[in-house]
PDB file of N, CA and C in Angstrom:
ATOM      1  N   MET A   1      38.735 -99.821   3.618  1.00  0.00           N
ATOM      2  CA  MET A   1      38.538-100.608   4.791  1.00  0.00           C
ATOM      3  C   MET A   1      39.353-101.257   5.289  1.00  0.00           C
ATOM      4  N   ALA A   2      39.589-100.667   6.791  1.00  0.00           N
ATOM      5  CA  ALA A   2      40.472-101.382   7.494  1.00  0.00           C
ATOM      6  C   ALA A   2      40.692-102.895   7.738  1.00  0.00           C
ATOM      7  N   SER A   3      42.053-103.279   7.873  1.00  0.00           N
ATOM      8  CA  SER A   3      42.060-104.758   7.898  1.00  0.00           C
ATOM      9  C   SER A   3      42.868-104.917   9.038  1.00  0.00           C
ATOM     10  N   GLY A   4      42.845-106.493   9.212  1.00  0.00           N
ATOM     11  CA  GLY A   4      43.030-106.781  10.479  1.00  0.00           C
ATOM     12  C   GLY A   4      42.941-106.310  11.924  1.00  0.00           C
ATOM     13  N   ASP A   5      43.943-106.193  12.644  1.00  0.00           N
ATOM     14  CA  ASP A   5      43.741-104.859  13.857  1.00  0.00           C
ATOM     15  C   ASP A   5      43.942-103.827  13.825  1.00  0.00           C
ATOM     16  N   ASP A   6      44.014-103.200  12.569  1.00  0.00           N
ATOM     17  CA  ASP A   6      43.582-102.061  12.674  1.00  0.00           C
ATOM     18  C   ASP A   6      41.950-101.942  12.966  1.00  0.00           C
ATOM     19  N   PHE A   7      40.808-102.426  12.342  1.00  0.00           N
ATOM     20  CA  PHE A   7      39.831-102.604  12.371  1.00  0.00           C
ATOM     21  C   PHE A   7      39.279-102.204  13.373  1.00  0.00           C
ATOM     22  N   TYR A   8      39.762-102.933  14.541  1.00  0.00           N
ATOM     23  CA  TYR A   8      39.304-103.411  16.000  1.00  0.00           C
ATOM     24  C   TYR A   8      39.571-102.875  17.110  1.00  0.00           C
ATOM     25  N   SER A   9      41.001-102.019  16.375  1.00  0.00           N
ATOM     26  CA  SER A   9      41.375-101.247  17.798  1.00  0.00           C
ATOM     27  C   SER A   9      40.993 -99.566  17.627  1.00  0.00           C
ATOM     28  N   LYS A  10      40.232 -99.123  16.459  1.00  0.00           N
ATOM     29  CA  LYS A  10      40.081 -98.207  16.018  1.00  0.00           C
ATOM     30  C   LYS A  10      39.451 -97.326  17.063  1.00  0.00           C
ATOM     31  N   ASP A  11      38.259 -98.269  17.684  1.00  0.00           N
ATOM     32  CA  ASP A  11      36.921 -97.728  18.891  1.00  0.00           C
ATOM     33  C   ASP A  11      37.728 -97.930  20.111  1.00  0.00           C
ATOM     34  N   ARG A  12      38.654 -98.863  20.230  1.00  0.00           N
ATOM     35  CA  ARG A  12      39.028 -98.958  21.547  1.00  0.00           C
ATOM     36  C   ARG A  12      39.782 -97.873  22.144  1.00  0.00           C
ATOM     37  N   PRO A  13      39.291 -97.646  23.828  1.00  0.00           N
ATOM     38  CA  PRO A  13      39.977 -96.821  24.899  1.00  0.00           C
ATOM     39  C   PRO A  13      41.618 -96.967  24.735  1.00  0.00           C
ATOM     40  N   ASP A  14      41.875 -95.897  25.172  1.00  0.00           N
ATOM     41  CA  ASP A  14      43.558 -96.052  25.410  1.00  0.00           C
ATOM     42  C   ASP A  14      44.052 -97.359  26.255  1.00  0.00           C
ATOM     43  N   ASN A  15      43.161 -97.405  27.500  1.00  0.00           N
ATOM     44  CA  ASN A  15      43.284 -98.323  28.627  1.00  0.00           C
ATOM     45  C   ASN A  15      42.339 -99.321  28.956  1.00  0.00           C
ATOM     46  N   PRO A  16      42.299-100.821  27.574  1.00  0.00           N
ATOM     47  CA  PRO A  16      40.963-101.388  27.489  1.00  0.00           C
ATOM     48  C   PRO A  16      40.767-102.373  28.962  1.00  0.00           C
ATOM     49  N   ALA A  17      41.752-102.045  29.862  1.00  0.00           N
ATOM     50  CA  ALA A  17      41.656-102.700  31.157  1.00  0.00           C
ATOM     51  C   ALA A  17      41.134-102.087  32.236  1.00  0.00           C
ATOM     52  N   LEU A  18      40.577-101.321  31.762  1.00  0.00           N
ATOM     53  CA  LEU A  18      39.929-100.224  32.752  1.00  0.00           C
ATOM     54  C   LEU A  18      38.586-100.625  33.768  1.00  0.00           C
ATOM     55  N   GLU A  19      38.545-100.711  35.115  1.00  0.00           N
ATOM     56  CA  GLU A  19      37.497-101.306  35.668  1.00  0.00           C
ATOM     57  C   GLU A  19      36.333-100.877  35.310  1.00  0.00           C
ATOM     58  N   GLU A  20      35.061-101.749  35.467  1.00  0.00           N
ATOM     59  CA  GLU A  20      33.727-101.991  34.600  1.00  0.00           C
ATOM     60  C   GLU A  20      33.161-100.856  35.383  1.00  0.00           C
ATOM     61  N   ASP A  21      32.407-100.129  35.243  1.00  0.00           N
ATOM     62  CA  ASP A  21      31.571 -98.795  35.190  1.00  0.00           C
ATOM     63  C   ASP A  21      30.329 -99.507  36.275  1.00  0.00           C
ATOM     64  N   ARG A  22      29.621-100.653  35.472  1.00  0.00           N
ATOM     65  CA  ARG A  22      28.699-101.184  35.896  1.00  0.00           C
ATOM     66  C   ARG A  22      28.553-102.241  36.315  1.00  0.00           C
ATOM     67  N   PRO A  23      29.027-102.803  37.472  1.00  0.00           N
ATOM     68  CA  PRO A  23      29.333-104.131  37.878  1.00  0.00           C
ATOM     69  C   PRO A  23      28.286-105.211  37.833  1.00  0.00           C
ATOM     70  N   ARG A  24      28.420-106.304  37.765  1.00  0.00           N
ATOM     71  CA  ARG A  24      27.185-107.117  37.214  1.00  0.00           C
ATOM     72  C   ARG A  24      26.665-107.694  38.647  1.00  0.00           C
ATOM     73  N   GLY A  25      27.457-107.869  39.451  1.00  0.00           N
ATOM     74  CA  GLY A  25      27.048-108.337  40.344  1.00  0.00           C
ATOM     75  C   GLY A  25      26.744-109.629  40.983  1.00  0.00           C
ATOM     76  N   GLY A  26      26.035-110.244  41.834  1.00  0.00           N
ATOM     77  CA  GLY A  26      25.536-111.642  41.854  1.00  0.00           C
ATOM     78  C   GLY A  26      26.127-112.713  42.468  1.00  0.00           C
ATOM     79  N   GLY A  27      27.314-112.016  43.095  1.00  0.00           N
ATOM     80  CA  GLY A  27      28.397-113.059  44.123  1.00  0.00           C
ATOM     81  C   GLY A  27      27.656-113.336  45.073  1.00  0.00           C
ATOM     82  N   PRO A  28      28.287-114.035  46.088  1.00  0.00           N
ATOM     83  CA  PRO A  28      27.737-114.141  47.444  1.00  0.00           C
ATOM     84  C   PRO A  28      27.831-113.105  48.367  1.00  0.00           C
ATOM     85  N   GLU A  29      28.742-112.158  47.947  1.00  0.00           N
ATOM     86  CA  GLU A  29      28.637-110.829  48.432  1.00  0.00           C
ATOM     87  C   GLU A  29      27.597-110.228  48.310  1.00  0.00           C
ATOM     88  N   ASP A  30      26.664-110.269  47.120  1.00  0.00           N
ATOM     89  CA  ASP A  30      25.458-109.681  47.404  1.00  0.00           C
ATOM     90  C   ASP A  30      24.072-110.247  47.678  1.00  0.00           C
ATOM     91  N   ARG A  31      24.427-111.447  48.524  1.00  0.00           N
ATOM     92  CA  ARG A  31      23.071-112.030  48.878  1.00  0.00           C
ATOM     93  C   ARG A  31      22.404-111.325  49.827  1.00  0.00           C
ATOM     94  N   PRO A  32      21.071-111.268  49.639  1.00  0.00           N
ATOM     95  CA  PRO A  32      20.559-110.577  50.695  1.00  0.00           C
ATOM     96  C   PRO A  32      20.144-110.892  52.018  1.00  0.00           C
ATOM     97  N   GLU A  33      20.344-110.154  52.948  1.00  0.00           N
ATOM     98  CA  GLU A  33      20.227-110.462  54.503  1.00  0.00           C
ATOM     99  C   GLU A  33      19.477-111.281  54.680  1.00  0.00           C
ATOM    100  N   THR A  34      18.486-112.023  54.127  1.00  0.00           N
ATOM    101  CA  THR A  34      16.710-112.582  54.688  1.00  0.00           C
ATOM    102  C   THR A  34      17.459-114.077  54.634  1.00  0.00           C
ATOM    103  N   GLY A  35      18.525-114.195  54.514  1.00  0.00           N
ATOM    104  CA  GLY A  35      19.339-115.718  54.595  1.00  0.00           C
ATOM    105  C   GLY A  35      18.341-116.537  53.791  1.00  0.00           C
ATOM    106  N   HIS A  36      17.912-117.830  54.440  1.00  0.00           N
ATOM    107  CA  HIS A  36      16.843-118.893  54.123  1.00  0.00           C
ATOM    108  C   HIS A  36      15.325-118.617  54.311  1.00  0.00           C
ATOM    109  N   ARG A  37      15.115-117.109  55.284  1.00  0.00           N
ATOM    110  CA  ARG A  37      13.671-116.697  55.753  1.00  0.00           C
ATOM    111  C   ARG A  37      12.582-117.182  54.879  1.00  0.00           C
ATOM    112  N   HIS A  38      12.650-117.161  53.423  1.00  0.00           N
ATOM    113  CA  HIS A  38      11.745-117.382  52.495  1.00  0.00           C
ATOM    114  C   HIS A  38      11.777-118.977  52.512  1.00  0.00           C
ATOM    115  N   VAL A  39      11.921-119.751  53.093  1.00  0.00           N
ATOM    116  CA  VAL A  39      11.914-121.151  53.163  1.00  0.00           C
ATOM    117  C   VAL A  39      11.126-121.399  54.089  1.00  0.00           C
ATOM    118  N   TRP A  40      11.376-120.935  55.098  1.00  0.00           N
ATOM    119  CA  TRP A  40      10.881-120.642  56.687  1.00  0.00           C
ATOM    120  C   TRP A  40       9.223-120.816  56.432  1.00  0.00           C
ATOM    121  N   VAL A  41       9.112-119.428  55.422  1.00  0.00           N
ATOM    122  CA  VAL A  41       7.636-118.932  55.244  1.00  0.00           C
ATOM    123  C   VAL A  41       6.827-120.185  54.372  1.00  0.00           C
ATOM    124  N   TRP A  42       7.496-120.688  53.707  1.00  0.00           N
ATOM    125  CA  TRP A  42       7.131-121.428  52.965  1.00  0.00           C
ATOM    126  C   TRP A  42       6.490-122.942  53.419  1.00  0.00           C
ATOM    127  N   TRP A  43       7.041-123.210  54.696  1.00  0.00           N
ATOM    128  CA  TRP A  43       7.190-124.218  55.939  1.00  0.00           C
ATOM    129  C   TRP A  43       5.741-123.771  56.254  1.00  0.00           C
ATOM    130  N   LEU A  44       5.562-122.643  56.993  1.00  0.00           N
ATOM    131  CA  LEU A  44       4.780-122.422  57.728  1.00  0.00           C
ATOM    132  C   LEU A  44       3.499-121.714  57.069  1.00  0.00           C
ATOM    133  N   ILE A  45       3.172-121.901  55.556  1.00  0.00           N
ATOM    134  CA  ILE A  45       2.094-121.639  54.823  1.00  0.00           C
ATOM    135  C   ILE A  45       1.838-122.936  54.633  1.00  0.00           C
ATOM    136  N   GLY A  46       2.224-123.990  54.608  1.00  0.00           N
ATOM    137  CA  GLY A  46       2.194-125.495  54.201  1.00  0.00           C
ATOM    138  C   GLY A  46       1.494-126.140  55.369  1.00  0.00           C
ATOM    139  N   ALA A  47       2.254-125.796  56.783  1.00  0.00           N
ATOM    140  CA  ALA A  47       1.739-126.480  58.450  1.00  0.00           C
ATOM    141  C   ALA A  47       0.634-125.444  58.379  1.00  0.00           C
ATOM    142  N   VAL A  48       0.206-124.214  58.425  1.00  0.00           N
ATOM    143  CA  VAL A  48      -1.242-123.904  57.812  1.00  0.00           C
ATOM    144  C   VAL A  48      -2.348-124.626  57.351  1.00  0.00           C
ATOM    145  N   VAL A  49      -1.821-124.930  55.662  1.00  0.00           N
ATOM    146  CA  VAL A  49      -2.820-125.432  54.864  1.00  0.00           C
ATOM    147  C   VAL A  49      -3.277-126.834  55.487  1.00  0.00           C
ATOM    148  N   ILE A  50      -2.271-127.665  55.834  1.00  0.00           N
ATOM    149  CA  ILE A  50      -2.408-128.755  56.228  1.00  0.00           C
ATOM    150  C   ILE A  50      -3.125-128.973  57.483  1.00  0.00           C
ATOM    151  N   LEU A  51      -2.973-127.713  58.862  1.00  0.00           N
ATOM    152  CA  LEU A  51      -3.994-127.932  59.710  1.00  0.00           C
ATOM    153  C   LEU A  51      -5.049-127.606  59.904  1.00  0.00           C
ATOM    154  N   ILE A  52      -5.816-127.164  58.239  1.00  0.00           N
ATOM    155  CA  ILE A  52      -6.857-126.076  58.201  1.00  0.00           C
ATOM    156  C   ILE A  52      -7.765-127.607  57.460  1.00  0.00           C
ATOM    157  N   LEU A  53      -6.824-128.340  56.793  1.00  0.00           N
ATOM    158  CA  LEU A  53      -7.601-129.624  56.183  1.00  0.00           C
ATOM    159  C   LEU A  53      -7.646-130.759  56.994  1.00  0.00           C
ATOM    160  N   PHE A  54      -6.893-130.426  58.014  1.00  0.00           N
ATOM    161  CA  PHE A  54      -6.829-131.785  59.116  1.00  0.00           C
ATOM    162  C   PHE A  54      -8.130-131.252  59.812  1.00  0.00           C
ATOM    163  N   PHE A  55      -8.568-130.297  60.340  1.00  0.00           N
ATOM    164  CA  PHE A  55      -9.529-129.463  61.251  1.00  0.00           C
ATOM    165  C   PHE A  55     -10.978-129.885  59.969  1.00  0.00           C
ATOM    166  N   MET A  56     -11.049-129.705  59.002  1.00  0.00           N
ATOM    167  CA  MET A  56     -11.783-129.671  58.462  1.00  0.00           C
ATOM    168  C   MET A  56     -13.012-131.353  57.987  1.00  0.00           C
ATOM    169  N   PHE A  57     -11.859-131.815  58.379  1.00  0.00           N
ATOM    170  CA  PHE A  57     -12.187-132.990  57.636  1.00  0.00           C
ATOM    171  C   PHE A  57     -12.378-134.126  59.094  1.00  0.00           C
ATOM    172  N   ILE A  58     -12.113-133.521  60.435  1.00  0.00           N
ATOM    173  CA  ILE A  58     -12.408-134.487  61.330  1.00  0.00           C
ATOM    174  C   ILE A  58     -14.131-134.687  61.843  1.00  0.00           C
TER     175      ILE A  58
END
């Protein structure tokens, strides 16, 4: 059985500080271009529902 550093260095690449081949992303630069549009969609849906309820009970 390998001991100490030998065990862990056996499968390591020659240059373990290589760039990641599949970046995980998720930073501010990966934000969708829609911005806060989804917030306005929910506000619009809420306004339509309120108007429908308002006219139903007049």
